[in-house]
Amino acid sequence: MYKHVIKRLLDIIVSLIAIMVSAIPILFLFIAIKIDDPGPALFKQRRVGIKRKGQLSYFYIYKFRSMKMSTPHDVPTHLLENPEQYITRVGKFIRKFSLDELPQIYQVFTSKLSFVGPRPALWTQDDLVAEREKYGANDVKPGITGWAQINGRDELEIPIKAKLDGEYAAAINKGWFRGFAMDVRCFFGTFLSVLRSDGVVEGGTGELEKKEKAKEVAAK
């Protein structure tokens, strides 16, 4: 009941409010991005959606463009060599505070996303999808934010991220009280994480651990 009806109803109500509140900031960001680096203010990427009837579904996710037009397309940030060279000036700001995700509010309203759920994997991230499959996380609608997002985000290695997504999926499947409590915790925890820029590491998934290992090697 909660997973299929109440959660969707909450997504519609909250996304409508968010659309009205964010309309003017979105307009200003749209203009700033185009001035900073001429080109489309939005970009889309093919992402993995919820698994239906045993098959993965795919959809396009929309974000404010935070990287230069010359950036390789459909390549996860953690696979780019020196990713900071591709980030625009406005991009650094919107990535720090996750403002690049604002266009996805509209996708919550149209039911492509939920506010809370596992972050949709890029269609080329077979390793993350495979790990999530072990925990049933592919059976839950992806979201703008989630349990893994407020517990490490870019710092997390794929196995840890998938396990956290599995914990979220388990809570959602256990009933309305557990599901609602988990969503509330993730939703409000996101605001704290964004304000503190928790887990934001340029280079993407597992980048912090890579840097720590590099420091250890250099110290030896």
N, C-alpha and C. Protein backbone atom coordinates (compact mmCIF):
# COMPACT_ATOMS: atom_id res chain seq x y z
N MET A 1 0.84 -1.20 0.00
CA MET A 1 0.00 0.00 0.00
C MET A 1 0.88 1.26 0.00
N TYR A 2 1.85 1.32 0.91
CA TYR A 2 2.70 2.50 0.98
C TYR A 2 3.56 2.61 -0.28
N LYS A 3 4.21 1.51 -0.67
CA LYS A 3 5.15 1.52 -1.78
C LYS A 3 4.49 1.93 -3.09
N HIS A 4 3.27 1.47 -3.33
CA HIS A 4 2.64 1.69 -4.63
C HIS A 4 1.62 2.82 -4.67
N VAL A 5 1.07 3.21 -3.51
CA VAL A 5 0.02 4.23 -3.51
C VAL A 5 0.41 5.48 -2.72
N ILE A 6 0.67 5.30 -1.42
CA ILE A 6 0.94 6.46 -0.56
C ILE A 6 2.22 7.16 -0.97
N LYS A 7 3.26 6.41 -1.26
CA LYS A 7 4.54 6.99 -1.66
C LYS A 7 4.38 7.82 -2.94
N ARG A 8 3.60 7.31 -3.89
CA ARG A 8 3.37 8.04 -5.14
C ARG A 8 2.57 9.31 -4.88
N LEU A 9 1.58 9.24 -4.02
CA LEU A 9 0.76 10.40 -3.68
C LEU A 9 1.63 11.50 -3.04
N LEU A 10 2.52 11.09 -2.14
CA LEU A 10 3.42 12.04 -1.50
C LEU A 10 4.36 12.68 -2.52
N ASP A 11 4.83 11.88 -3.48
CA ASP A 11 5.71 12.41 -4.53
C ASP A 11 5.01 13.50 -5.34
N ILE A 12 3.73 13.28 -5.66
CA ILE A 12 2.98 14.25 -6.46
C ILE A 12 2.81 15.55 -5.69
N ILE A 13 2.41 15.45 -4.43
CA ILE A 13 2.16 16.64 -3.61
C ILE A 13 3.44 17.45 -3.40
N VAL A 14 4.51 16.76 -2.98
CA VAL A 14 5.77 17.46 -2.68
C VAL A 14 6.40 18.03 -3.96
N SER A 15 6.31 17.30 -5.08
CA SER A 15 6.90 17.80 -6.32
C SER A 15 6.16 19.03 -6.83
N LEU A 16 4.85 19.08 -6.67
CA LEU A 16 4.09 20.27 -7.07
C LEU A 16 4.52 21.49 -6.27
N ILE A 17 4.68 21.32 -4.98
CA ILE A 17 5.14 22.42 -4.13
C ILE A 17 6.55 22.84 -4.53
N ALA A 18 7.42 21.85 -4.75
CA ALA A 18 8.81 22.13 -5.11
C ALA A 18 8.92 22.84 -6.45
N ILE A 19 8.08 22.47 -7.39
CA ILE A 19 8.09 23.11 -8.72
C ILE A 19 7.75 24.59 -8.60
N MET A 20 6.76 24.91 -7.80
CA MET A 20 6.36 26.30 -7.61
C MET A 20 7.44 27.11 -6.89
N VAL A 21 8.04 26.51 -5.88
CA VAL A 21 9.06 27.21 -5.09
C VAL A 21 10.35 27.42 -5.88
N SER A 22 10.70 26.45 -6.71
CA SER A 22 12.01 26.50 -7.40
C SER A 22 11.96 27.12 -8.79
N ALA A 23 10.81 27.56 -9.24
CA ALA A 23 10.68 28.07 -10.61
C ALA A 23 11.65 29.21 -10.91
N ILE A 24 11.73 30.21 -10.04
CA ILE A 24 12.61 31.36 -10.28
C ILE A 24 14.09 30.97 -10.16
N PRO A 25 14.51 30.23 -9.09
CA PRO A 25 15.91 29.79 -9.04
C PRO A 25 16.32 28.97 -10.27
N ILE A 26 15.42 28.14 -10.77
CA ILE A 26 15.72 27.34 -11.95
C ILE A 26 15.97 28.24 -13.16
N LEU A 27 15.18 29.29 -13.29
CA LEU A 27 15.34 30.23 -14.41
C LEU A 27 16.71 30.91 -14.34
N PHE A 28 17.11 31.37 -13.15
CA PHE A 28 18.41 32.02 -12.99
C PHE A 28 19.56 31.06 -13.29
N LEU A 29 19.45 29.82 -12.83
CA LEU A 29 20.50 28.84 -13.10
C LEU A 29 20.59 28.53 -14.58
N PHE A 30 19.45 28.46 -15.23
CA PHE A 30 19.40 28.20 -16.67
C PHE A 30 20.20 29.26 -17.43
N ILE A 31 19.99 30.53 -17.07
CA ILE A 31 20.68 31.64 -17.73
C ILE A 31 22.17 31.62 -17.40
N ALA A 32 22.51 31.40 -16.13
CA ALA A 32 23.92 31.41 -15.70
C ALA A 32 24.73 30.33 -16.39
N ILE A 33 24.15 29.16 -16.55
CA ILE A 33 24.85 28.04 -17.20
C ILE A 33 25.15 28.37 -18.66
N LYS A 34 24.19 28.94 -19.36
CA LYS A 34 24.37 29.25 -20.78
C LYS A 34 25.40 30.36 -20.98
N ILE A 35 25.46 31.30 -20.03
CA ILE A 35 26.45 32.38 -20.13
C ILE A 35 27.85 31.84 -19.85
N ASP A 36 27.97 30.96 -18.87
CA ASP A 36 29.27 30.43 -18.46
C ASP A 36 29.90 29.57 -19.53
N ASP A 37 29.11 28.72 -20.17
CA ASP A 37 29.63 27.82 -21.20
C ASP A 37 28.53 27.62 -22.24
N PRO A 38 28.57 28.37 -23.35
CA PRO A 38 27.51 28.32 -24.36
C PRO A 38 27.15 26.90 -24.77
N GLY A 39 25.85 26.66 -24.82
CA GLY A 39 25.35 25.34 -25.15
C GLY A 39 24.08 25.08 -24.37
N PRO A 40 23.51 23.91 -24.48
CA PRO A 40 22.28 23.59 -23.75
C PRO A 40 22.50 23.67 -22.24
N ALA A 41 21.53 24.21 -21.52
CA ALA A 41 21.62 24.29 -20.05
C ALA A 41 21.31 22.95 -19.42
N LEU A 42 20.55 22.14 -20.12
CA LEU A 42 20.19 20.81 -19.63
C LEU A 42 20.90 19.74 -20.45
N PHE A 43 21.14 18.61 -19.81
CA PHE A 43 21.61 17.46 -20.58
C PHE A 43 20.88 16.22 -20.07
N LYS A 44 20.82 15.22 -20.90
CA LYS A 44 20.13 14.00 -20.50
C LYS A 44 21.08 12.81 -20.63
N GLN A 45 20.85 11.84 -19.77
CA GLN A 45 21.63 10.60 -19.78
C GLN A 45 20.69 9.42 -19.65
N ARG A 46 21.00 8.36 -20.33
CA ARG A 46 20.21 7.14 -20.23
C ARG A 46 20.54 6.45 -18.91
N ARG A 47 19.54 6.17 -18.12
CA ARG A 47 19.73 5.57 -16.81
C ARG A 47 18.87 4.31 -16.66
N VAL A 48 19.24 3.52 -15.66
CA VAL A 48 18.52 2.28 -15.37
C VAL A 48 17.35 2.58 -14.44
N GLY A 49 16.16 2.14 -14.82
CA GLY A 49 14.97 2.35 -14.00
C GLY A 49 14.63 1.12 -13.19
N ILE A 50 13.40 1.06 -12.72
CA ILE A 50 12.95 -0.07 -11.91
C ILE A 50 12.82 -1.32 -12.79
N LYS A 51 13.13 -2.46 -12.19
CA LYS A 51 13.01 -3.72 -12.92
C LYS A 51 11.55 -4.14 -12.97
N ARG A 52 11.06 -4.43 -14.16
CA ARG A 52 9.66 -4.83 -14.35
C ARG A 52 9.59 -6.18 -15.04
N LYS A 53 8.85 -7.11 -14.42
CA LYS A 53 8.67 -8.46 -14.97
C LYS A 53 10.01 -9.12 -15.29
N GLY A 54 10.97 -8.91 -14.40
CA GLY A 54 12.27 -9.56 -14.54
C GLY A 54 13.22 -8.86 -15.49
N GLN A 55 12.78 -7.75 -16.10
CA GLN A 55 13.63 -7.04 -17.05
C GLN A 55 13.90 -5.62 -16.59
N LEU A 56 15.13 -5.17 -16.77
CA LEU A 56 15.47 -3.79 -16.42
C LEU A 56 14.80 -2.83 -17.40
N SER A 57 14.34 -1.71 -16.89
CA SER A 57 13.79 -0.66 -17.74
C SER A 57 14.80 0.49 -17.81
N TYR A 58 14.67 1.31 -18.83
CA TYR A 58 15.59 2.43 -19.00
C TYR A 58 14.80 3.71 -19.25
N PHE A 59 15.38 4.83 -18.85
CA PHE A 59 14.76 6.12 -19.09
C PHE A 59 15.85 7.18 -19.13
N TYR A 60 15.48 8.38 -19.54
CA TYR A 60 16.44 9.48 -19.58
C TYR A 60 16.24 10.38 -18.37
N ILE A 61 17.35 10.66 -17.71
CA ILE A 61 17.32 11.57 -16.57
C ILE A 61 17.84 12.92 -17.03
N TYR A 62 17.23 13.99 -16.53
CA TYR A 62 17.63 15.35 -16.92
C TYR A 62 18.31 16.06 -15.75
N LYS A 63 19.39 16.75 -16.07
CA LYS A 63 20.15 17.49 -15.06
C LYS A 63 20.60 18.81 -15.65
N PHE A 64 20.89 19.77 -14.78
CA PHE A 64 21.54 20.98 -15.25
C PHE A 64 22.97 20.61 -15.62
N ARG A 65 23.43 21.13 -16.73
CA ARG A 65 24.78 20.82 -17.19
C ARG A 65 25.80 21.53 -16.32
N SER A 66 26.67 20.75 -15.70
CA SER A 66 27.72 21.31 -14.84
C SER A 66 29.10 21.13 -15.46
N MET A 67 29.15 20.47 -16.61
CA MET A 67 30.44 20.20 -17.24
C MET A 67 30.47 20.81 -18.64
N LYS A 68 31.67 21.03 -19.13
CA LYS A 68 31.85 21.68 -20.43
C LYS A 68 31.29 20.82 -21.56
N MET A 69 30.97 21.48 -22.66
CA MET A 69 30.42 20.77 -23.81
C MET A 69 31.41 19.75 -24.38
N SER A 70 32.69 19.93 -24.10
CA SER A 70 33.73 19.04 -24.62
C SER A 70 33.88 17.75 -23.81
N THR A 71 33.13 17.61 -22.71
CA THR A 71 33.23 16.43 -21.85
C THR A 71 32.72 15.19 -22.57
N PRO A 72 33.43 14.05 -22.49
CA PRO A 72 32.95 12.80 -23.09
C PRO A 72 31.56 12.46 -22.57
N HIS A 73 30.66 12.07 -23.46
CA HIS A 73 29.28 11.80 -23.10
C HIS A 73 29.12 10.36 -22.62
N ASP A 74 28.16 10.16 -21.71
CA ASP A 74 27.82 8.82 -21.18
C ASP A 74 29.00 8.10 -20.53
N VAL A 75 29.89 8.87 -19.91
CA VAL A 75 31.01 8.29 -19.16
C VAL A 75 30.84 8.69 -17.70
N PRO A 76 30.76 7.70 -16.77
CA PRO A 76 30.64 8.05 -15.35
C PRO A 76 31.79 8.95 -14.92
N THR A 77 31.52 9.88 -14.02
CA THR A 77 32.53 10.84 -13.59
C THR A 77 33.78 10.15 -13.08
N HIS A 78 33.61 9.02 -12.36
CA HIS A 78 34.78 8.36 -11.77
C HIS A 78 35.67 7.69 -12.81
N LEU A 79 35.21 7.61 -14.07
CA LEU A 79 36.03 7.02 -15.12
C LEU A 79 36.73 8.09 -15.97
N LEU A 80 36.44 9.36 -15.69
CA LEU A 80 37.11 10.44 -16.40
C LEU A 80 38.49 10.69 -15.77
N GLU A 81 39.45 10.97 -16.61
CA GLU A 81 40.78 11.31 -16.11
C GLU A 81 40.80 12.79 -15.73
N ASN A 82 41.11 13.09 -14.48
CA ASN A 82 41.09 14.46 -13.97
C ASN A 82 39.75 15.14 -14.28
N PRO A 83 38.66 14.68 -13.67
CA PRO A 83 37.33 15.21 -13.99
C PRO A 83 37.15 16.69 -13.73
N GLU A 84 37.93 17.27 -12.81
CA GLU A 84 37.76 18.68 -12.48
C GLU A 84 38.05 19.60 -13.67
N GLN A 85 38.84 19.13 -14.63
CA GLN A 85 39.16 19.96 -15.79
C GLN A 85 37.93 20.21 -16.66
N TYR A 86 36.91 19.36 -16.52
CA TYR A 86 35.71 19.49 -17.34
C TYR A 86 34.60 20.30 -16.68
N ILE A 87 34.73 20.59 -15.39
CA ILE A 87 33.66 21.26 -14.66
C ILE A 87 33.71 22.77 -14.87
N THR A 88 32.57 23.37 -15.18
CA THR A 88 32.50 24.82 -15.40
C THR A 88 32.50 25.55 -14.05
N ARG A 89 32.61 26.87 -14.10
CA ARG A 89 32.58 27.67 -12.87
C ARG A 89 31.24 27.57 -12.17
N VAL A 90 30.17 27.71 -12.95
CA VAL A 90 28.83 27.55 -12.38
C VAL A 90 28.63 26.10 -11.94
N GLY A 91 29.21 25.19 -12.70
CA GLY A 91 29.08 23.77 -12.39
C GLY A 91 29.62 23.40 -11.02
N LYS A 92 30.73 24.01 -10.63
CA LYS A 92 31.30 23.73 -9.31
C LYS A 92 30.32 24.09 -8.20
N PHE A 93 29.63 25.21 -8.39
CA PHE A 93 28.67 25.67 -7.39
C PHE A 93 27.45 24.76 -7.33
N ILE A 94 26.87 24.45 -8.48
CA ILE A 94 25.64 23.66 -8.47
C ILE A 94 25.88 22.21 -8.07
N ARG A 95 27.09 21.70 -8.35
CA ARG A 95 27.41 20.34 -7.93
C ARG A 95 27.61 20.25 -6.43
N LYS A 96 28.22 21.30 -5.87
CA LYS A 96 28.47 21.32 -4.43
C LYS A 96 27.18 21.24 -3.64
N PHE A 97 26.14 21.93 -4.13
CA PHE A 97 24.87 21.97 -3.42
C PHE A 97 23.78 21.14 -4.12
N SER A 98 24.20 20.27 -5.03
CA SER A 98 23.29 19.35 -5.73
C SER A 98 22.18 20.07 -6.48
N LEU A 99 22.42 21.30 -6.91
CA LEU A 99 21.41 22.05 -7.65
C LEU A 99 21.26 21.54 -9.08
N ASP A 100 22.24 20.77 -9.55
CA ASP A 100 22.13 20.21 -10.89
C ASP A 100 20.99 19.19 -10.99
N GLU A 101 20.50 18.73 -9.82
CA GLU A 101 19.42 17.75 -9.81
C GLU A 101 18.03 18.38 -9.87
N LEU A 102 17.93 19.70 -9.80
CA LEU A 102 16.63 20.37 -9.72
C LEU A 102 15.65 19.98 -10.84
N PRO A 103 16.10 19.85 -12.10
CA PRO A 103 15.15 19.48 -13.16
C PRO A 103 14.45 18.14 -12.91
N GLN A 104 15.02 17.31 -12.05
CA GLN A 104 14.43 16.00 -11.79
C GLN A 104 13.15 16.09 -10.95
N ILE A 105 12.90 17.27 -10.36
CA ILE A 105 11.63 17.46 -9.64
C ILE A 105 10.46 17.22 -10.58
N TYR A 106 10.62 17.68 -11.84
CA TYR A 106 9.56 17.48 -12.84
C TYR A 106 9.40 16.01 -13.18
N GLN A 107 10.50 15.26 -13.12
CA GLN A 107 10.44 13.83 -13.41
C GLN A 107 9.81 13.04 -12.27
N VAL A 108 9.89 13.60 -11.06
CA VAL A 108 9.16 13.00 -9.94
C VAL A 108 7.67 13.14 -10.18
N PHE A 109 7.26 14.32 -10.62
CA PHE A 109 5.85 14.59 -10.88
C PHE A 109 5.30 13.66 -11.97
N THR A 110 6.12 13.37 -13.00
CA THR A 110 5.67 12.53 -14.11
C THR A 110 5.90 11.04 -13.84
N SER A 111 6.37 10.71 -12.64
CA SER A 111 6.53 9.32 -12.19
C SER A 111 7.74 8.59 -12.76
N LYS A 112 8.67 9.30 -13.39
CA LYS A 112 9.90 8.67 -13.85
C LYS A 112 10.81 8.36 -12.67
N LEU A 113 10.73 9.23 -11.65
CA LEU A 113 11.55 9.10 -10.44
C LEU A 113 10.66 9.24 -9.21
N SER A 114 11.24 8.87 -8.07
CA SER A 114 10.63 9.18 -6.78
C SER A 114 11.58 10.16 -6.10
N PHE A 115 11.11 10.87 -5.09
CA PHE A 115 12.03 11.75 -4.37
C PHE A 115 13.11 10.92 -3.68
N VAL A 116 12.71 9.79 -3.12
CA VAL A 116 13.66 8.94 -2.39
C VAL A 116 13.70 7.55 -3.03
N GLY A 117 14.89 7.07 -3.24
CA GLY A 117 15.09 5.74 -3.83
C GLY A 117 16.55 5.61 -4.25
N PRO A 118 17.00 4.46 -4.67
CA PRO A 118 18.38 4.32 -5.14
C PRO A 118 18.64 5.26 -6.32
N ARG A 119 19.78 5.93 -6.32
CA ARG A 119 20.09 6.80 -7.45
C ARG A 119 20.20 5.95 -8.72
N PRO A 120 19.53 6.35 -9.80
CA PRO A 120 19.55 5.54 -11.02
C PRO A 120 20.95 5.40 -11.61
N ALA A 121 21.35 4.17 -11.85
CA ALA A 121 22.69 3.92 -12.41
C ALA A 121 22.72 4.31 -13.88
N LEU A 122 23.88 4.76 -14.33
CA LEU A 122 24.08 5.01 -15.74
C LEU A 122 23.94 3.67 -16.48
N TRP A 123 23.41 3.70 -17.67
CA TRP A 123 23.11 2.44 -18.37
C TRP A 123 24.35 1.59 -18.65
N THR A 124 25.54 2.20 -18.53
CA THR A 124 26.78 1.45 -18.74
C THR A 124 27.37 0.90 -17.43
N GLN A 125 26.76 1.22 -16.30
CA GLN A 125 27.31 0.79 -15.00
C GLN A 125 26.81 -0.60 -14.62
N ASP A 126 27.25 -1.58 -15.38
CA ASP A 126 26.83 -2.97 -15.14
C ASP A 126 27.26 -3.47 -13.76
N ASP A 127 28.41 -2.97 -13.27
CA ASP A 127 28.91 -3.43 -11.97
C ASP A 127 27.97 -3.00 -10.85
N LEU A 128 27.49 -1.76 -10.88
CA LEU A 128 26.58 -1.28 -9.85
C LEU A 128 25.22 -1.98 -9.95
N VAL A 129 24.72 -2.16 -11.15
CA VAL A 129 23.44 -2.84 -11.34
C VAL A 129 23.51 -4.27 -10.83
N ALA A 130 24.62 -4.95 -11.11
CA ALA A 130 24.79 -6.34 -10.68
C ALA A 130 24.84 -6.43 -9.15
N GLU A 131 25.53 -5.51 -8.52
CA GLU A 131 25.60 -5.51 -7.05
C GLU A 131 24.24 -5.23 -6.44
N ARG A 132 23.50 -4.30 -7.01
CA ARG A 132 22.17 -3.98 -6.50
C ARG A 132 21.22 -5.17 -6.64
N GLU A 133 21.42 -5.95 -7.67
CA GLU A 133 20.56 -7.11 -7.89
C GLU A 133 20.65 -8.09 -6.73
N LYS A 134 21.81 -8.19 -6.11
CA LYS A 134 21.99 -9.10 -4.98
C LYS A 134 21.10 -8.74 -3.80
N TYR A 135 20.76 -7.45 -3.70
CA TYR A 135 20.00 -6.95 -2.55
C TYR A 135 18.57 -6.56 -2.90
N GLY A 136 18.15 -6.79 -4.13
CA GLY A 136 16.79 -6.45 -4.53
C GLY A 136 16.58 -4.96 -4.73
N ALA A 137 17.65 -4.19 -4.85
CA ALA A 137 17.52 -2.74 -4.99
C ALA A 137 17.06 -2.31 -6.38
N ASN A 138 17.18 -3.20 -7.37
CA ASN A 138 16.71 -2.87 -8.72
C ASN A 138 15.18 -2.95 -8.83
N ASP A 139 14.55 -3.50 -7.79
CA ASP A 139 13.10 -3.66 -7.81
C ASP A 139 12.36 -2.46 -7.23
N VAL A 140 13.12 -1.42 -6.87
CA VAL A 140 12.55 -0.21 -6.27
C VAL A 140 12.74 0.95 -7.24
N LYS A 141 11.73 1.81 -7.36
CA LYS A 141 11.85 2.97 -8.26
C LYS A 141 13.00 3.86 -7.81
N PRO A 142 13.87 4.24 -8.74
CA PRO A 142 15.01 5.11 -8.38
C PRO A 142 14.54 6.48 -7.94
N GLY A 143 15.43 7.20 -7.23
CA GLY A 143 15.05 8.50 -6.68
C GLY A 143 16.10 9.56 -6.85
N ILE A 144 15.74 10.79 -6.50
CA ILE A 144 16.68 11.90 -6.53
C ILE A 144 17.71 11.74 -5.43
N THR A 145 17.26 11.27 -4.28
CA THR A 145 18.16 11.02 -3.17
C THR A 145 17.81 9.68 -2.55
N GLY A 146 18.67 9.19 -1.66
CA GLY A 146 18.41 7.89 -1.07
C GLY A 146 19.29 7.60 0.13
N TRP A 147 19.17 6.41 0.65
CA TRP A 147 19.90 6.00 1.84
C TRP A 147 21.40 6.05 1.62
N ALA A 148 21.86 5.61 0.45
CA ALA A 148 23.29 5.66 0.14
C ALA A 148 23.76 7.10 -0.02
N GLN A 149 22.89 7.96 -0.54
CA GLN A 149 23.25 9.36 -0.77
C GLN A 149 23.57 10.10 0.52
N ILE A 150 22.85 9.78 1.59
CA ILE A 150 23.10 10.50 2.86
C ILE A 150 24.08 9.74 3.75
N ASN A 151 24.63 8.66 3.22
CA ASN A 151 25.60 7.88 4.00
C ASN A 151 26.94 7.74 3.30
N GLY A 152 27.26 8.73 2.47
CA GLY A 152 28.58 8.68 1.84
C GLY A 152 28.64 9.19 0.42
N ARG A 153 27.58 8.96 -0.35
CA ARG A 153 27.51 9.47 -1.72
C ARG A 153 28.72 9.05 -2.54
N ASP A 154 29.51 10.01 -3.05
CA ASP A 154 30.64 9.70 -3.93
C ASP A 154 31.77 8.95 -3.22
N GLU A 155 31.79 9.05 -1.91
CA GLU A 155 32.87 8.40 -1.16
C GLU A 155 32.76 6.88 -1.20
N LEU A 156 31.57 6.38 -1.43
CA LEU A 156 31.31 4.94 -1.27
C LEU A 156 31.79 4.11 -2.45
N GLU A 157 32.37 2.98 -2.14
CA GLU A 157 32.67 2.00 -3.17
C GLU A 157 31.36 1.31 -3.58
N ILE A 158 31.33 0.76 -4.78
CA ILE A 158 30.11 0.18 -5.33
C ILE A 158 29.48 -0.89 -4.43
N PRO A 159 30.23 -1.84 -3.87
CA PRO A 159 29.59 -2.85 -3.01
C PRO A 159 28.89 -2.25 -1.79
N ILE A 160 29.49 -1.21 -1.21
CA ILE A 160 28.88 -0.57 -0.04
C ILE A 160 27.63 0.20 -0.45
N LYS A 161 27.73 0.92 -1.55
CA LYS A 161 26.60 1.69 -2.05
C LYS A 161 25.42 0.76 -2.36
N ALA A 162 25.69 -0.36 -3.01
CA ALA A 162 24.64 -1.31 -3.35
C ALA A 162 24.01 -1.91 -2.10
N LYS A 163 24.81 -2.19 -1.09
CA LYS A 163 24.28 -2.75 0.16
C LYS A 163 23.34 -1.76 0.84
N LEU A 164 23.72 -0.48 0.86
CA LEU A 164 22.87 0.55 1.46
C LEU A 164 21.57 0.69 0.67
N ASP A 165 21.66 0.61 -0.65
CA ASP A 165 20.45 0.65 -1.47
C ASP A 165 19.56 -0.55 -1.17
N GLY A 166 20.19 -1.67 -0.86
CA GLY A 166 19.43 -2.87 -0.50
C GLY A 166 18.73 -2.69 0.84
N GLU A 167 19.37 -2.01 1.77
CA GLU A 167 18.75 -1.73 3.07
C GLU A 167 17.52 -0.85 2.89
N TYR A 168 17.61 0.10 1.97
CA TYR A 168 16.46 0.96 1.68
C TYR A 168 15.32 0.13 1.09
N ALA A 169 15.66 -0.71 0.11
CA ALA A 169 14.64 -1.54 -0.54
C ALA A 169 13.94 -2.44 0.48
N ALA A 170 14.71 -3.00 1.40
CA ALA A 170 14.14 -3.88 2.42
C ALA A 170 13.16 -3.13 3.31
N ALA A 171 13.52 -1.90 3.68
CA ALA A 171 12.64 -1.09 4.53
C ALA A 171 11.34 -0.75 3.82
N ILE A 172 11.43 -0.40 2.55
CA ILE A 172 10.24 -0.04 1.77
C ILE A 172 9.31 -1.24 1.62
N ASN A 173 9.88 -2.42 1.51
CA ASN A 173 9.07 -3.63 1.31
C ASN A 173 8.49 -4.20 2.59
N LYS A 174 8.89 -3.65 3.75
CA LYS A 174 8.41 -4.20 5.02
C LYS A 174 7.10 -3.58 5.51
N GLY A 175 6.57 -2.63 4.78
CA GLY A 175 5.30 -2.05 5.21
C GLY A 175 5.34 -0.55 5.28
N TRP A 176 4.14 0.04 5.45
CA TRP A 176 4.03 1.49 5.35
C TRP A 176 4.80 2.23 6.44
N PHE A 177 4.83 1.70 7.68
CA PHE A 177 5.50 2.43 8.76
C PHE A 177 7.01 2.46 8.54
N ARG A 178 7.60 1.28 8.27
CA ARG A 178 9.05 1.22 8.03
C ARG A 178 9.43 2.01 6.79
N GLY A 179 8.60 1.89 5.74
CA GLY A 179 8.87 2.59 4.50
C GLY A 179 8.80 4.09 4.65
N PHE A 180 7.74 4.56 5.30
CA PHE A 180 7.56 5.99 5.50
C PHE A 180 8.68 6.57 6.38
N ALA A 181 9.03 5.84 7.43
CA ALA A 181 10.09 6.31 8.33
C ALA A 181 11.42 6.42 7.59
N MET A 182 11.71 5.45 6.73
CA MET A 182 12.95 5.48 5.97
C MET A 182 12.95 6.65 4.99
N ASP A 183 11.83 6.89 4.30
CA ASP A 183 11.74 8.00 3.35
C ASP A 183 11.91 9.35 4.05
N VAL A 184 11.28 9.51 5.19
CA VAL A 184 11.39 10.76 5.94
C VAL A 184 12.84 10.98 6.37
N ARG A 185 13.48 9.92 6.84
CA ARG A 185 14.87 10.02 7.28
C ARG A 185 15.79 10.43 6.12
N CYS A 186 15.57 9.83 4.96
CA CYS A 186 16.39 10.15 3.79
C CYS A 186 16.10 11.56 3.28
N PHE A 187 14.83 11.93 3.25
CA PHE A 187 14.42 13.24 2.71
C PHE A 187 15.04 14.38 3.51
N PHE A 188 14.87 14.35 4.82
CA PHE A 188 15.40 15.43 5.64
C PHE A 188 16.91 15.32 5.85
N GLY A 189 17.41 14.08 5.81
CA GLY A 189 18.86 13.89 5.91
C GLY A 189 19.58 14.47 4.70
N THR A 190 18.89 14.52 3.57
CA THR A 190 19.48 15.07 2.36
C THR A 190 19.80 16.55 2.52
N PHE A 191 18.90 17.30 3.15
CA PHE A 191 19.13 18.73 3.34
C PHE A 191 20.39 18.97 4.17
N LEU A 192 20.58 18.18 5.22
CA LEU A 192 21.78 18.32 6.05
C LEU A 192 23.03 17.97 5.26
N SER A 193 22.95 16.89 4.46
CA SER A 193 24.10 16.46 3.67
C SER A 193 24.48 17.51 2.64
N VAL A 194 23.46 18.11 2.00
CA VAL A 194 23.71 19.13 0.98
C VAL A 194 24.34 20.37 1.60
N LEU A 195 23.83 20.81 2.73
CA LEU A 195 24.37 22.00 3.38
C LEU A 195 25.82 21.81 3.80
N ARG A 196 26.17 20.57 4.19
CA ARG A 196 27.54 20.28 4.61
C ARG A 196 28.40 19.78 3.46
N SER A 197 27.76 19.58 2.28
CA SER A 197 28.46 19.02 1.12
C SER A 197 29.05 17.66 1.45
N ASP A 198 28.36 16.89 2.27
CA ASP A 198 28.85 15.57 2.66
C ASP A 198 28.97 14.64 1.46
N GLY A 199 30.10 13.95 1.38
CA GLY A 199 30.27 12.91 0.38
C GLY A 199 30.48 13.39 -1.03
N VAL A 200 30.61 14.71 -1.24
CA VAL A 200 30.83 15.22 -2.59
C VAL A 200 32.31 15.19 -2.88
N VAL A 201 32.71 14.29 -3.76
CA VAL A 201 34.12 14.16 -4.12
C VAL A 201 34.19 14.10 -5.63
N GLU A 202 34.83 15.09 -6.25
CA GLU A 202 34.93 15.09 -7.70
C GLU A 202 35.73 13.88 -8.16
N GLY A 203 35.15 13.15 -9.09
CA GLY A 203 35.75 11.91 -9.55
C GLY A 203 34.78 10.78 -9.35
N GLY A 204 33.76 11.02 -8.51
CA GLY A 204 32.69 10.06 -8.40
C GLY A 204 32.93 8.90 -7.48
N THR A 205 32.23 7.82 -7.77
CA THR A 205 32.16 6.64 -6.91
C THR A 205 33.51 6.15 -6.41
N GLY A 206 33.65 6.10 -5.07
CA GLY A 206 34.84 5.54 -4.47
C GLY A 206 36.08 6.40 -4.57
N GLU A 207 35.93 7.64 -5.03
CA GLU A 207 37.11 8.47 -5.28
C GLU A 207 37.88 8.78 -4.01
N LEU A 208 37.18 8.97 -2.90
CA LEU A 208 37.87 9.30 -1.65
C LEU A 208 38.81 8.17 -1.23
N GLU A 209 38.33 6.94 -1.35
CA GLU A 209 39.16 5.79 -0.97
C GLU A 209 40.37 5.68 -1.90
N LYS A 210 40.18 6.00 -3.18
CA LYS A 210 41.31 5.96 -4.11
C LYS A 210 42.39 6.95 -3.70
N LYS A 211 41.94 8.16 -3.30
CA LYS A 211 42.90 9.19 -2.90
C LYS A 211 43.62 8.79 -1.61
N GLU A 212 42.89 8.18 -0.68
CA GLU A 212 43.50 7.75 0.57
C GLU A 212 44.55 6.67 0.31
N LYS A 213 44.24 5.75 -0.60
CA LYS A 213 45.20 4.69 -0.93
C LYS A 213 46.44 5.28 -1.58
N ALA A 214 46.22 6.30 -2.42
CA ALA A 214 47.36 6.95 -3.11
C ALA A 214 48.27 7.63 -2.09
N LYS A 215 47.66 8.24 -1.06
CA LYS A 215 48.44 8.88 -0.01
C LYS A 215 49.26 7.85 0.77
N GLU A 216 48.67 6.68 1.03
CA GLU A 216 49.36 5.63 1.77
C GLU A 216 50.57 5.13 0.98
N VAL A 217 50.37 4.96 -0.34
CA VAL A 217 51.46 4.49 -1.19
C VAL A 217 52.58 5.52 -1.22
N ALA A 218 52.21 6.80 -1.32
CA ALA A 218 53.21 7.87 -1.38
C ALA A 218 53.99 7.99 -0.08
N ALA A 219 53.34 7.65 1.03
CA ALA A 219 53.98 7.78 2.34
C ALA A 219 54.98 6.65 2.61
N LYS A 220 54.84 5.54 1.88
CA LYS A 220 55.72 4.39 2.11
C LYS A 220 57.09 4.57 1.47
